[in-house]
N, C-alpha and C. Protein backbone atom coordinates (compact mmCIF):
# COMPACT_ATOMS: atom_id res chain seq x y z
N UNK A 1 285.15 134.23 -50.77
CA UNK A 1 284.03 134.88 -50.09
C UNK A 1 284.47 136.16 -49.39
N UNK A 2 285.67 136.12 -48.79
CA UNK A 2 286.12 137.27 -48.00
C UNK A 2 286.32 138.51 -48.85
N UNK A 3 286.58 138.32 -50.14
CA UNK A 3 286.80 139.48 -51.00
C UNK A 3 285.55 140.34 -51.13
N UNK A 4 284.37 139.74 -50.81
CA UNK A 4 283.12 140.49 -50.93
C UNK A 4 282.77 141.23 -49.64
N UNK A 5 283.48 140.95 -48.54
CA UNK A 5 283.21 141.64 -47.29
C UNK A 5 283.41 143.15 -47.45
N UNK A 6 284.48 143.51 -48.13
CA UNK A 6 284.77 144.93 -48.34
C UNK A 6 283.68 145.62 -49.13
N UNK A 7 283.07 144.88 -50.08
CA UNK A 7 281.99 145.47 -50.87
C UNK A 7 280.77 145.76 -50.00
N UNK A 8 280.51 144.88 -49.04
CA UNK A 8 279.37 145.08 -48.15
C UNK A 8 279.61 146.30 -47.26
N UNK A 9 280.82 146.42 -46.72
CA UNK A 9 281.16 147.58 -45.89
C UNK A 9 281.13 148.85 -46.74
N UNK A 10 281.63 148.74 -47.98
CA UNK A 10 281.59 149.89 -48.89
C UNK A 10 280.15 150.33 -49.16
N UNK A 11 279.24 149.36 -49.26
CA UNK A 11 277.83 149.70 -49.46
C UNK A 11 277.31 150.53 -48.29
N UNK A 12 277.74 150.19 -47.06
CA UNK A 12 277.34 150.98 -45.91
C UNK A 12 277.88 152.39 -45.99
N UNK A 13 279.14 152.53 -46.43
CA UNK A 13 279.74 153.86 -46.57
C UNK A 13 278.99 154.67 -47.61
N UNK A 14 278.60 154.03 -48.71
CA UNK A 14 277.83 154.73 -49.74
C UNK A 14 276.47 155.16 -49.21
N UNK A 15 275.90 154.37 -48.28
CA UNK A 15 274.65 154.79 -47.64
C UNK A 15 274.87 156.07 -46.85
N UNK A 16 276.01 156.15 -46.14
CA UNK A 16 276.32 157.35 -45.37
C UNK A 16 276.45 158.55 -46.31
N UNK A 17 277.06 158.33 -47.47
CA UNK A 17 277.18 159.40 -48.46
C UNK A 17 275.80 159.80 -48.98
N UNK A 18 274.98 158.79 -49.26
CA UNK A 18 273.63 159.04 -49.78
C UNK A 18 272.81 159.88 -48.81
N UNK A 19 272.92 159.57 -47.50
CA UNK A 19 272.17 160.31 -46.49
C UNK A 19 272.92 161.55 -46.00
N UNK A 20 274.04 161.85 -46.63
CA UNK A 20 274.79 163.10 -46.40
C UNK A 20 275.20 163.27 -44.94
N UNK A 21 275.59 162.22 -44.32
CA UNK A 21 276.08 162.30 -42.94
C UNK A 21 277.52 161.82 -42.93
N UNK A 22 278.45 162.77 -42.95
CA UNK A 22 279.86 162.42 -43.05
C UNK A 22 280.50 162.17 -41.70
N UNK A 23 279.72 162.31 -40.62
CA UNK A 23 280.27 162.08 -39.29
C UNK A 23 279.89 160.72 -38.76
N UNK A 24 278.81 160.66 -37.93
CA UNK A 24 278.39 159.37 -37.38
C UNK A 24 278.00 158.36 -38.43
N UNK A 25 277.60 158.84 -39.61
CA UNK A 25 277.16 157.93 -40.66
C UNK A 25 278.23 156.93 -41.06
N UNK A 26 279.49 157.36 -41.14
CA UNK A 26 280.56 156.44 -41.52
C UNK A 26 280.82 155.42 -40.43
N UNK A 27 280.67 155.83 -39.18
CA UNK A 27 280.82 154.88 -38.08
C UNK A 27 279.71 153.83 -38.15
N UNK A 28 278.48 154.30 -38.39
CA UNK A 28 277.37 153.37 -38.54
C UNK A 28 277.59 152.44 -39.71
N UNK A 29 278.22 152.95 -40.77
CA UNK A 29 278.48 152.13 -41.95
C UNK A 29 279.32 150.91 -41.58
N UNK A 30 280.39 151.13 -40.83
CA UNK A 30 281.24 150.01 -40.43
C UNK A 30 280.51 149.08 -39.46
N UNK A 31 279.76 149.67 -38.52
CA UNK A 31 279.03 148.85 -37.56
C UNK A 31 278.00 147.98 -38.26
N UNK A 32 277.17 148.61 -39.10
CA UNK A 32 276.15 147.85 -39.81
C UNK A 32 276.77 146.82 -40.75
N UNK A 33 277.85 147.22 -41.43
CA UNK A 33 278.48 146.30 -42.36
C UNK A 33 279.09 145.09 -41.68
N UNK A 34 279.80 145.33 -40.58
CA UNK A 34 280.51 144.24 -39.89
C UNK A 34 279.56 143.41 -39.03
N UNK A 35 278.69 144.08 -38.27
CA UNK A 35 277.84 143.37 -37.31
C UNK A 35 276.62 142.75 -37.97
N UNK A 36 276.09 143.39 -39.01
CA UNK A 36 274.86 142.92 -39.64
C UNK A 36 275.10 142.40 -41.06
N UNK A 37 275.75 143.23 -41.89
CA UNK A 37 275.89 142.90 -43.30
C UNK A 37 276.65 141.62 -43.57
N UNK A 38 277.86 141.51 -43.00
CA UNK A 38 278.70 140.34 -43.27
C UNK A 38 278.10 139.05 -42.70
N UNK A 39 277.67 139.01 -41.42
CA UNK A 39 277.02 137.78 -40.93
C UNK A 39 275.79 137.39 -41.74
N UNK A 40 275.00 138.39 -42.15
CA UNK A 40 273.81 138.10 -42.95
C UNK A 40 274.20 137.53 -44.30
N UNK A 41 275.24 138.09 -44.90
CA UNK A 41 275.74 137.59 -46.19
C UNK A 41 276.19 136.14 -46.07
N UNK A 42 276.95 135.85 -45.03
CA UNK A 42 277.46 134.48 -44.83
C UNK A 42 276.30 133.51 -44.61
N UNK A 43 275.32 133.92 -43.80
CA UNK A 43 274.18 133.05 -43.50
C UNK A 43 273.35 132.76 -44.74
N UNK A 44 273.00 133.83 -45.48
CA UNK A 44 272.18 133.66 -46.68
C UNK A 44 272.91 132.82 -47.72
N UNK A 45 274.19 133.07 -47.88
CA UNK A 45 274.99 132.32 -48.84
C UNK A 45 275.05 130.84 -48.47
N UNK A 46 275.21 130.56 -47.18
CA UNK A 46 275.26 129.18 -46.71
C UNK A 46 273.94 128.46 -46.95
N UNK A 47 272.84 129.11 -46.61
CA UNK A 47 271.52 128.51 -46.79
C UNK A 47 271.24 128.23 -48.26
N UNK A 48 271.54 129.20 -49.11
CA UNK A 48 271.29 129.03 -50.55
C UNK A 48 272.17 127.93 -51.13
N UNK A 49 273.40 127.81 -50.66
CA UNK A 49 274.28 126.74 -51.15
C UNK A 49 273.77 125.37 -50.75
N UNK A 50 273.14 125.30 -49.56
CA UNK A 50 272.56 124.02 -49.12
C UNK A 50 271.32 123.67 -49.94
N UNK A 51 270.55 124.71 -50.26
CA UNK A 51 269.33 124.47 -51.02
C UNK A 51 269.61 124.26 -52.50
N UNK A 52 270.59 124.99 -53.01
CA UNK A 52 270.92 124.91 -54.44
C UNK A 52 272.43 124.67 -54.60
N UNK A 53 272.91 123.46 -54.34
CA UNK A 53 274.35 123.18 -54.32
C UNK A 53 275.06 123.41 -55.65
N UNK A 54 274.34 123.40 -56.73
CA UNK A 54 274.97 123.55 -58.04
C UNK A 54 274.93 124.98 -58.56
N UNK A 55 274.51 125.91 -57.72
CA UNK A 55 274.40 127.31 -58.16
C UNK A 55 275.10 128.21 -57.17
N UNK A 56 276.38 127.91 -56.91
CA UNK A 56 277.13 128.66 -55.91
C UNK A 56 277.30 130.13 -56.30
N UNK A 57 277.58 130.37 -57.57
CA UNK A 57 277.79 131.75 -58.02
C UNK A 57 276.53 132.58 -57.85
N UNK A 58 275.39 132.02 -58.27
CA UNK A 58 274.14 132.75 -58.15
C UNK A 58 273.78 132.97 -56.68
N UNK A 59 274.03 131.97 -55.84
CA UNK A 59 273.74 132.10 -54.41
C UNK A 59 274.57 133.22 -53.79
N UNK A 60 275.82 133.30 -54.20
CA UNK A 60 276.71 134.34 -53.66
C UNK A 60 276.22 135.73 -54.06
N UNK A 61 275.78 135.87 -55.31
CA UNK A 61 275.30 137.17 -55.78
C UNK A 61 274.03 137.58 -55.03
N UNK A 62 273.11 136.62 -54.89
CA UNK A 62 271.86 136.91 -54.19
C UNK A 62 272.14 137.30 -52.74
N UNK A 63 273.04 136.57 -52.07
CA UNK A 63 273.37 136.87 -50.67
C UNK A 63 273.99 138.25 -50.54
N UNK A 64 274.86 138.59 -51.49
CA UNK A 64 275.51 139.90 -51.42
C UNK A 64 274.49 141.03 -51.62
N UNK A 65 273.61 140.88 -52.63
CA UNK A 65 272.61 141.91 -52.88
C UNK A 65 271.66 142.04 -51.69
N UNK A 66 271.25 140.90 -51.14
CA UNK A 66 270.31 140.92 -50.01
C UNK A 66 270.91 141.65 -48.81
N UNK A 67 272.15 141.38 -48.48
CA UNK A 67 272.78 142.02 -47.33
C UNK A 67 272.96 143.51 -47.55
N UNK A 68 273.27 143.92 -48.77
CA UNK A 68 273.42 145.35 -49.08
C UNK A 68 272.09 146.07 -48.96
N UNK A 69 271.02 145.43 -49.48
CA UNK A 69 269.68 146.03 -49.40
C UNK A 69 269.25 146.18 -47.94
N UNK A 70 269.54 145.18 -47.12
CA UNK A 70 269.18 145.25 -45.70
C UNK A 70 269.91 146.40 -45.02
N UNK A 71 271.19 146.59 -45.33
CA UNK A 71 271.95 147.71 -44.75
C UNK A 71 271.31 149.04 -45.14
N UNK A 72 270.93 149.16 -46.41
CA UNK A 72 270.30 150.40 -46.87
C UNK A 72 268.98 150.64 -46.13
N UNK A 73 268.17 149.58 -45.95
CA UNK A 73 266.89 149.73 -45.26
C UNK A 73 267.10 150.13 -43.81
N UNK A 74 268.13 149.58 -43.16
CA UNK A 74 268.42 149.96 -41.77
C UNK A 74 268.83 151.42 -41.69
N UNK A 75 269.65 151.86 -42.65
CA UNK A 75 270.01 153.28 -42.71
C UNK A 75 268.77 154.14 -42.90
N UNK A 76 267.90 153.70 -43.80
CA UNK A 76 266.68 154.47 -44.09
C UNK A 76 265.83 154.61 -42.83
N UNK A 77 265.66 153.52 -42.08
CA UNK A 77 264.86 153.57 -40.86
C UNK A 77 265.55 154.39 -39.77
N UNK A 78 266.88 154.46 -39.82
CA UNK A 78 267.62 155.27 -38.85
C UNK A 78 267.38 156.76 -39.09
N UNK A 79 267.39 157.18 -40.35
CA UNK A 79 267.25 158.60 -40.67
C UNK A 79 265.80 159.01 -40.95
N UNK A 80 265.00 158.10 -41.48
CA UNK A 80 263.61 158.41 -41.83
C UNK A 80 262.68 157.37 -41.20
N UNK A 81 262.62 157.31 -39.87
CA UNK A 81 261.80 156.29 -39.21
C UNK A 81 260.31 156.56 -39.41
N UNK A 82 259.49 155.51 -39.37
CA UNK A 82 258.03 155.69 -39.43
C UNK A 82 257.54 156.52 -38.25
N UNK A 83 256.36 157.09 -38.40
CA UNK A 83 255.84 158.01 -37.38
C UNK A 83 255.78 157.42 -35.97
N UNK A 84 255.30 156.18 -35.78
CA UNK A 84 255.27 155.64 -34.40
C UNK A 84 256.66 155.53 -33.77
N UNK A 85 257.64 155.10 -34.56
CA UNK A 85 259.00 154.98 -34.03
C UNK A 85 259.56 156.35 -33.69
N UNK A 86 259.33 157.32 -34.57
CA UNK A 86 259.83 158.67 -34.33
C UNK A 86 259.17 159.28 -33.09
N UNK A 87 257.87 159.02 -32.92
CA UNK A 87 257.15 159.54 -31.75
C UNK A 87 257.77 158.96 -30.47
N UNK A 88 258.01 157.66 -30.46
CA UNK A 88 258.59 157.03 -29.27
C UNK A 88 260.00 157.52 -29.02
N UNK A 89 260.75 157.76 -30.08
CA UNK A 89 262.14 158.17 -29.92
C UNK A 89 262.26 159.60 -29.42
N UNK A 90 261.41 160.50 -29.91
CA UNK A 90 261.59 161.92 -29.62
C UNK A 90 260.58 162.50 -28.65
N UNK A 91 259.39 161.93 -28.57
CA UNK A 91 258.32 162.60 -27.82
C UNK A 91 257.93 161.83 -26.56
N UNK A 92 257.45 160.62 -26.72
CA UNK A 92 257.00 159.86 -25.56
C UNK A 92 256.96 158.37 -25.87
N UNK A 93 257.46 157.59 -24.94
CA UNK A 93 257.41 156.14 -25.05
C UNK A 93 256.96 155.57 -23.72
N UNK A 94 255.77 154.95 -23.68
CA UNK A 94 254.91 154.55 -24.80
C UNK A 94 254.10 155.72 -25.35
N UNK A 95 253.50 155.48 -26.49
CA UNK A 95 252.63 156.50 -27.09
C UNK A 95 251.33 156.57 -26.29
N UNK A 96 250.92 157.76 -25.85
CA UNK A 96 249.67 157.89 -25.09
C UNK A 96 248.47 157.34 -25.87
N UNK A 97 247.50 156.81 -25.16
CA UNK A 97 246.35 156.19 -25.80
C UNK A 97 245.52 157.17 -26.62
N UNK A 98 245.54 158.44 -26.24
CA UNK A 98 244.71 159.42 -26.94
C UNK A 98 245.31 159.88 -28.27
N UNK A 99 246.55 159.50 -28.53
CA UNK A 99 247.22 159.94 -29.77
C UNK A 99 246.63 159.20 -30.98
N UNK A 100 246.33 159.96 -32.02
CA UNK A 100 245.82 159.38 -33.27
C UNK A 100 246.28 160.23 -34.45
N UNK A 101 246.02 159.73 -35.64
CA UNK A 101 246.36 160.45 -36.88
C UNK A 101 247.83 160.86 -36.93
N UNK A 102 248.70 159.94 -36.60
CA UNK A 102 250.14 160.22 -36.58
C UNK A 102 250.67 160.40 -38.01
N UNK A 103 251.40 161.49 -38.20
CA UNK A 103 252.11 161.73 -39.46
C UNK A 103 253.51 162.25 -39.12
N UNK A 104 254.46 161.91 -39.93
CA UNK A 104 255.81 162.39 -39.66
C UNK A 104 256.56 162.59 -40.96
N UNK A 105 257.59 163.41 -40.86
CA UNK A 105 258.51 163.64 -41.98
C UNK A 105 259.86 164.03 -41.40
N UNK A 106 260.90 163.67 -42.10
CA UNK A 106 262.25 164.01 -41.67
C UNK A 106 263.02 164.51 -42.86
N UNK A 107 264.01 165.34 -42.60
CA UNK A 107 264.88 165.84 -43.67
C UNK A 107 266.31 165.92 -43.17
N UNK A 108 267.22 165.53 -44.04
CA UNK A 108 268.64 165.60 -43.74
C UNK A 108 269.23 166.69 -44.61
N UNK A 109 269.67 167.76 -43.98
CA UNK A 109 270.16 168.92 -44.72
C UNK A 109 271.68 168.99 -44.78
N UNK A 110 272.36 168.05 -44.19
CA UNK A 110 273.82 168.07 -44.19
C UNK A 110 274.34 167.22 -43.05
N UNK A 111 275.65 167.18 -42.87
CA UNK A 111 276.23 166.38 -41.80
C UNK A 111 275.67 166.78 -40.43
N UNK A 112 275.09 165.80 -39.77
CA UNK A 112 274.54 166.00 -38.42
C UNK A 112 273.57 167.18 -38.37
N UNK A 113 272.84 167.39 -39.43
CA UNK A 113 271.90 168.51 -39.51
C UNK A 113 270.57 167.95 -39.99
N UNK A 114 269.64 167.75 -39.07
CA UNK A 114 268.39 167.12 -39.44
C UNK A 114 267.22 167.82 -38.76
N UNK A 115 266.06 167.60 -39.31
CA UNK A 115 264.84 168.13 -38.72
C UNK A 115 263.75 167.08 -38.83
N UNK A 116 262.88 167.04 -37.82
CA UNK A 116 261.79 166.07 -37.79
C UNK A 116 260.49 166.80 -37.49
N UNK A 117 259.43 166.37 -38.16
CA UNK A 117 258.10 166.92 -37.95
C UNK A 117 257.16 165.77 -37.60
N UNK A 118 256.41 165.94 -36.53
CA UNK A 118 255.41 164.93 -36.16
C UNK A 118 254.10 165.65 -35.87
N UNK A 119 253.07 165.27 -36.59
CA UNK A 119 251.74 165.86 -36.39
C UNK A 119 250.80 164.78 -35.87
N UNK A 120 249.97 165.13 -34.90
CA UNK A 120 249.10 164.13 -34.30
C UNK A 120 247.96 164.80 -33.55
N UNK A 121 246.94 164.03 -33.25
CA UNK A 121 245.85 164.48 -32.38
C UNK A 121 246.08 163.89 -30.99
N UNK A 122 245.77 164.68 -29.96
CA UNK A 122 246.03 164.25 -28.60
C UNK A 122 245.12 165.01 -27.65
N UNK A 123 244.68 164.38 -26.56
CA UNK A 123 243.85 165.12 -25.61
C UNK A 123 244.74 165.99 -24.71
N UNK A 124 244.09 166.88 -23.99
CA UNK A 124 244.84 167.88 -23.24
C UNK A 124 245.66 167.27 -22.10
N UNK A 125 245.11 166.29 -21.42
CA UNK A 125 245.84 165.69 -20.30
C UNK A 125 247.14 165.05 -20.76
N UNK A 126 247.08 164.29 -21.83
CA UNK A 126 248.29 163.63 -22.33
C UNK A 126 249.29 164.65 -22.87
N UNK A 127 248.78 165.71 -23.49
CA UNK A 127 249.67 166.75 -23.98
C UNK A 127 250.41 167.42 -22.82
N UNK A 128 249.68 167.70 -21.74
CA UNK A 128 250.32 168.32 -20.58
C UNK A 128 251.42 167.43 -19.99
N UNK A 129 251.20 166.12 -19.99
CA UNK A 129 252.21 165.20 -19.48
C UNK A 129 253.47 165.25 -20.33
N UNK A 130 253.30 165.34 -21.65
CA UNK A 130 254.46 165.44 -22.55
C UNK A 130 255.20 166.74 -22.31
N UNK A 131 254.46 167.83 -22.19
CA UNK A 131 255.07 169.14 -21.96
C UNK A 131 255.87 169.15 -20.66
N UNK A 132 255.31 168.55 -19.64
CA UNK A 132 256.00 168.50 -18.34
C UNK A 132 257.23 167.61 -18.39
N UNK A 133 257.11 166.46 -19.05
CA UNK A 133 258.25 165.53 -19.10
C UNK A 133 259.41 166.11 -19.91
N UNK A 134 259.10 166.93 -20.90
CA UNK A 134 260.16 167.52 -21.73
C UNK A 134 260.58 168.90 -21.22
N UNK A 135 259.92 169.35 -20.14
CA UNK A 135 260.25 170.62 -19.50
C UNK A 135 260.16 171.80 -20.48
N UNK A 136 259.09 171.79 -21.26
CA UNK A 136 258.85 172.90 -22.18
C UNK A 136 258.10 174.01 -21.45
N UNK A 137 258.31 175.22 -21.90
CA UNK A 137 257.65 176.37 -21.29
C UNK A 137 256.73 177.03 -22.31
N UNK A 138 255.66 177.70 -21.85
CA UNK A 138 254.74 178.37 -22.79
C UNK A 138 255.44 179.49 -23.54
N UNK A 139 254.92 179.77 -24.72
CA UNK A 139 255.42 180.88 -25.53
C UNK A 139 254.25 181.52 -26.25
N UNK A 140 254.27 182.83 -26.32
CA UNK A 140 253.26 183.50 -27.13
C UNK A 140 253.55 183.22 -28.60
N UNK A 141 252.50 183.18 -29.40
CA UNK A 141 252.68 182.79 -30.79
C UNK A 141 251.90 183.71 -31.71
N UNK A 142 252.55 184.10 -32.79
CA UNK A 142 251.93 184.86 -33.87
C UNK A 142 252.10 184.07 -35.15
N UNK A 143 251.01 183.86 -35.86
CA UNK A 143 251.04 183.03 -37.06
C UNK A 143 250.88 183.91 -38.28
N UNK A 144 251.77 183.72 -39.23
CA UNK A 144 251.70 184.43 -40.50
C UNK A 144 251.64 183.40 -41.62
N UNK A 145 250.53 183.36 -42.33
CA UNK A 145 250.35 182.39 -43.39
C UNK A 145 250.64 183.04 -44.74
N UNK A 146 251.71 182.58 -45.38
CA UNK A 146 252.10 183.08 -46.69
C UNK A 146 251.58 182.12 -47.75
N UNK A 147 251.95 182.35 -48.99
CA UNK A 147 251.41 181.54 -50.08
C UNK A 147 251.79 180.06 -49.95
N UNK A 148 253.03 179.78 -49.60
CA UNK A 148 253.47 178.38 -49.51
C UNK A 148 254.12 178.05 -48.18
N UNK A 149 254.17 179.03 -47.27
CA UNK A 149 254.86 178.84 -46.01
C UNK A 149 254.01 179.40 -44.87
N UNK A 150 254.01 178.68 -43.76
CA UNK A 150 253.41 179.20 -42.53
C UNK A 150 254.55 179.55 -41.58
N UNK A 151 254.57 180.79 -41.12
CA UNK A 151 255.64 181.24 -40.24
C UNK A 151 255.09 181.48 -38.83
N UNK A 152 255.76 180.88 -37.86
CA UNK A 152 255.37 181.03 -36.47
C UNK A 152 256.40 181.92 -35.77
N UNK A 153 255.91 183.00 -35.19
CA UNK A 153 256.76 183.89 -34.39
C UNK A 153 256.52 183.55 -32.92
N UNK A 154 257.58 183.09 -32.25
CA UNK A 154 257.44 182.60 -30.88
C UNK A 154 258.23 183.47 -29.91
N UNK A 155 257.62 183.76 -28.77
CA UNK A 155 258.30 184.50 -27.70
C UNK A 155 258.13 183.73 -26.40
N UNK A 156 259.19 183.11 -25.91
CA UNK A 156 259.09 182.34 -24.65
C UNK A 156 258.62 183.22 -23.50
N UNK A 157 257.92 182.62 -22.55
CA UNK A 157 257.37 183.38 -21.43
C UNK A 157 258.44 183.93 -20.51
N UNK A 158 259.65 183.36 -20.55
CA UNK A 158 260.73 183.84 -19.68
C UNK A 158 261.72 184.74 -20.41
N UNK A 159 261.32 185.22 -21.59
CA UNK A 159 262.24 186.04 -22.39
C UNK A 159 261.45 187.02 -23.23
N UNK A 160 262.12 188.11 -23.59
CA UNK A 160 261.49 189.10 -24.49
C UNK A 160 261.98 188.93 -25.92
N UNK A 161 262.89 187.98 -26.13
CA UNK A 161 263.44 187.75 -27.45
C UNK A 161 262.57 186.77 -28.24
N UNK A 162 262.22 187.16 -29.44
CA UNK A 162 261.39 186.33 -30.30
C UNK A 162 262.25 185.63 -31.34
N UNK A 163 261.74 184.54 -31.84
CA UNK A 163 262.38 183.85 -32.95
C UNK A 163 261.27 183.22 -33.79
N UNK A 164 261.58 182.90 -35.01
CA UNK A 164 260.56 182.38 -35.91
C UNK A 164 260.97 181.04 -36.49
N UNK A 165 259.99 180.22 -36.77
CA UNK A 165 260.19 178.97 -37.48
C UNK A 165 259.18 178.92 -38.62
N UNK A 166 259.58 178.32 -39.71
CA UNK A 166 258.72 178.28 -40.89
C UNK A 166 258.44 176.83 -41.28
N UNK A 167 257.21 176.58 -41.69
CA UNK A 167 256.79 175.25 -42.13
C UNK A 167 256.37 175.35 -43.60
N UNK A 168 257.08 174.64 -44.46
CA UNK A 168 256.75 174.67 -45.87
C UNK A 168 256.15 173.35 -46.35
N UNK A 169 255.65 172.57 -45.41
CA UNK A 169 255.03 171.28 -45.74
C UNK A 169 253.53 171.39 -45.47
N UNK A 170 252.70 171.44 -46.52
CA UNK A 170 251.26 171.67 -46.34
C UNK A 170 250.59 170.67 -45.41
N UNK A 171 250.97 169.40 -45.45
CA UNK A 171 250.26 168.42 -44.63
C UNK A 171 250.64 168.50 -43.15
N UNK A 172 251.61 169.37 -42.83
CA UNK A 172 251.99 169.56 -41.43
C UNK A 172 251.54 170.91 -40.89
N UNK A 173 250.61 171.52 -41.58
CA UNK A 173 250.01 172.74 -41.05
C UNK A 173 248.79 172.38 -40.21
N UNK A 174 248.56 173.13 -39.16
CA UNK A 174 247.42 172.88 -38.31
C UNK A 174 246.15 173.35 -39.00
N UNK A 175 245.03 172.71 -38.64
CA UNK A 175 243.77 173.04 -39.30
C UNK A 175 243.28 174.43 -38.97
N UNK A 176 243.62 174.94 -37.81
CA UNK A 176 243.15 176.25 -37.37
C UNK A 176 244.29 176.97 -36.65
N UNK A 177 244.33 178.27 -36.79
CA UNK A 177 245.36 179.05 -36.11
C UNK A 177 244.78 179.89 -34.97
N UNK A 178 243.47 179.89 -34.86
CA UNK A 178 242.82 180.67 -33.81
C UNK A 178 243.07 180.00 -32.47
N UNK A 179 243.55 180.78 -31.53
CA UNK A 179 243.85 180.30 -30.17
C UNK A 179 245.01 179.30 -30.13
N UNK A 180 245.82 179.27 -31.17
CA UNK A 180 246.97 178.35 -31.17
C UNK A 180 247.91 178.69 -30.01
N UNK A 181 248.54 177.68 -29.46
CA UNK A 181 249.47 177.88 -28.36
C UNK A 181 250.76 177.13 -28.66
N UNK A 182 251.84 177.61 -28.05
CA UNK A 182 253.15 177.03 -28.33
C UNK A 182 253.91 176.77 -27.05
N UNK A 183 254.81 175.80 -27.13
CA UNK A 183 255.66 175.43 -26.00
C UNK A 183 257.07 175.19 -26.55
N UNK A 184 258.06 175.75 -25.87
CA UNK A 184 259.42 175.72 -26.38
C UNK A 184 260.38 175.25 -25.29
N UNK A 185 261.59 174.93 -25.69
CA UNK A 185 262.61 174.53 -24.73
C UNK A 185 263.02 175.70 -23.87
N UNK A 186 263.26 175.43 -22.61
CA UNK A 186 263.70 176.48 -21.69
C UNK A 186 265.19 176.76 -21.86
N UNK A 187 265.96 175.72 -22.15
CA UNK A 187 267.41 175.85 -22.28
C UNK A 187 267.79 176.04 -23.74
N UNK A 188 268.20 177.23 -24.11
CA UNK A 188 268.56 177.53 -25.50
C UNK A 188 270.01 177.17 -25.80
N UNK A 189 270.73 176.63 -24.81
CA UNK A 189 272.13 176.29 -25.01
C UNK A 189 272.31 174.86 -25.53
N UNK A 190 271.24 174.11 -25.61
CA UNK A 190 271.34 172.74 -26.10
C UNK A 190 271.72 172.74 -27.59
N UNK A 191 272.28 171.60 -28.03
CA UNK A 191 272.68 171.48 -29.43
C UNK A 191 271.49 171.19 -30.34
N UNK A 192 270.33 170.97 -29.74
CA UNK A 192 269.11 170.74 -30.51
C UNK A 192 268.01 171.64 -29.96
N UNK A 193 266.93 171.75 -30.69
CA UNK A 193 265.78 172.53 -30.22
C UNK A 193 264.51 171.78 -30.59
N UNK A 194 263.50 171.93 -29.77
CA UNK A 194 262.23 171.27 -30.03
C UNK A 194 261.08 172.16 -29.57
N UNK A 195 259.97 172.05 -30.30
CA UNK A 195 258.81 172.90 -30.05
C UNK A 195 257.54 172.06 -30.22
N UNK A 196 256.50 172.49 -29.55
CA UNK A 196 255.17 171.92 -29.77
C UNK A 196 254.22 173.07 -30.01
N UNK A 197 253.49 173.00 -31.12
CA UNK A 197 252.44 173.98 -31.43
C UNK A 197 251.12 173.23 -31.39
N UNK A 198 250.17 173.77 -30.65
CA UNK A 198 248.93 173.04 -30.39
C UNK A 198 247.72 173.88 -30.76
N UNK A 199 246.76 173.24 -31.40
CA UNK A 199 245.51 173.89 -31.73
C UNK A 199 244.41 173.33 -30.83
N UNK A 200 244.00 174.06 -29.80
CA UNK A 200 242.99 173.53 -28.86
C UNK A 200 241.62 173.32 -29.49
N UNK A 201 241.37 173.96 -30.62
CA UNK A 201 240.07 173.80 -31.28
C UNK A 201 239.91 172.42 -31.91
N UNK A 202 241.00 171.86 -32.39
CA UNK A 202 240.95 170.57 -33.08
C UNK A 202 241.73 169.47 -32.36
N UNK A 203 242.44 169.86 -31.28
CA UNK A 203 243.33 168.93 -30.55
C UNK A 203 244.48 168.43 -31.42
N UNK A 204 244.78 169.18 -32.47
CA UNK A 204 245.95 168.84 -33.27
C UNK A 204 247.21 169.42 -32.63
N UNK A 205 248.28 168.68 -32.73
CA UNK A 205 249.57 169.16 -32.22
C UNK A 205 250.64 168.90 -33.26
N UNK A 206 251.58 169.82 -33.31
CA UNK A 206 252.71 169.70 -34.23
C UNK A 206 254.00 169.77 -33.42
N UNK A 207 254.77 168.70 -33.49
CA UNK A 207 256.06 168.64 -32.78
C UNK A 207 257.17 168.87 -33.79
N UNK A 208 258.09 169.77 -33.44
CA UNK A 208 259.21 170.12 -34.32
C UNK A 208 260.52 169.87 -33.60
N UNK A 209 261.43 169.22 -34.29
CA UNK A 209 262.75 168.95 -33.71
C UNK A 209 263.80 169.37 -34.72
N UNK A 210 264.75 170.18 -34.27
CA UNK A 210 265.84 170.63 -35.13
C UNK A 210 267.17 170.31 -34.47
N UNK A 211 268.08 169.77 -35.24
CA UNK A 211 269.40 169.41 -34.71
C UNK A 211 270.46 170.09 -35.57
């Protein structure tokens, strides 16, 4: 049985390779493999052997596949969490009652290089609470809609320097750009950046996180 432990840990490492995270991903691979994968493999194998005592080989294979699949699913939820989990992790926990129509997407562009998009509807009071809790500051915004990309030109209220962000995901574009407002991080020295773009006409908000 012990000879298969390495295969389970190797499956975790392959998950790190699949998600292109050569840093923390390998550490997670060992943690998930040792703490979750191997105990789960032993448990499933034991239960199946009790239920089907004459099919030890098949039970072992099923237990091994099951534990590997679970590790992959945990990795998937770590890098591509569902919208409610991502909202709680990055924006606000608990989720305000006025929030609806939650959508999210994530992308892994390389080692420790990820971006998250969360689109939702929210009332003004709850939005203000999020802005205050994250210490975001207002920014003037200019929207340029190209054929396949929407480009936002942002200028923080405490600076004359502008920067732009582009959204190439159609379902994460706001319904209206008239009177759109933006809020950005005050501290540009952080290793990550986050923005909120809000459409007061529709109460739609788009949260952007870049690492």
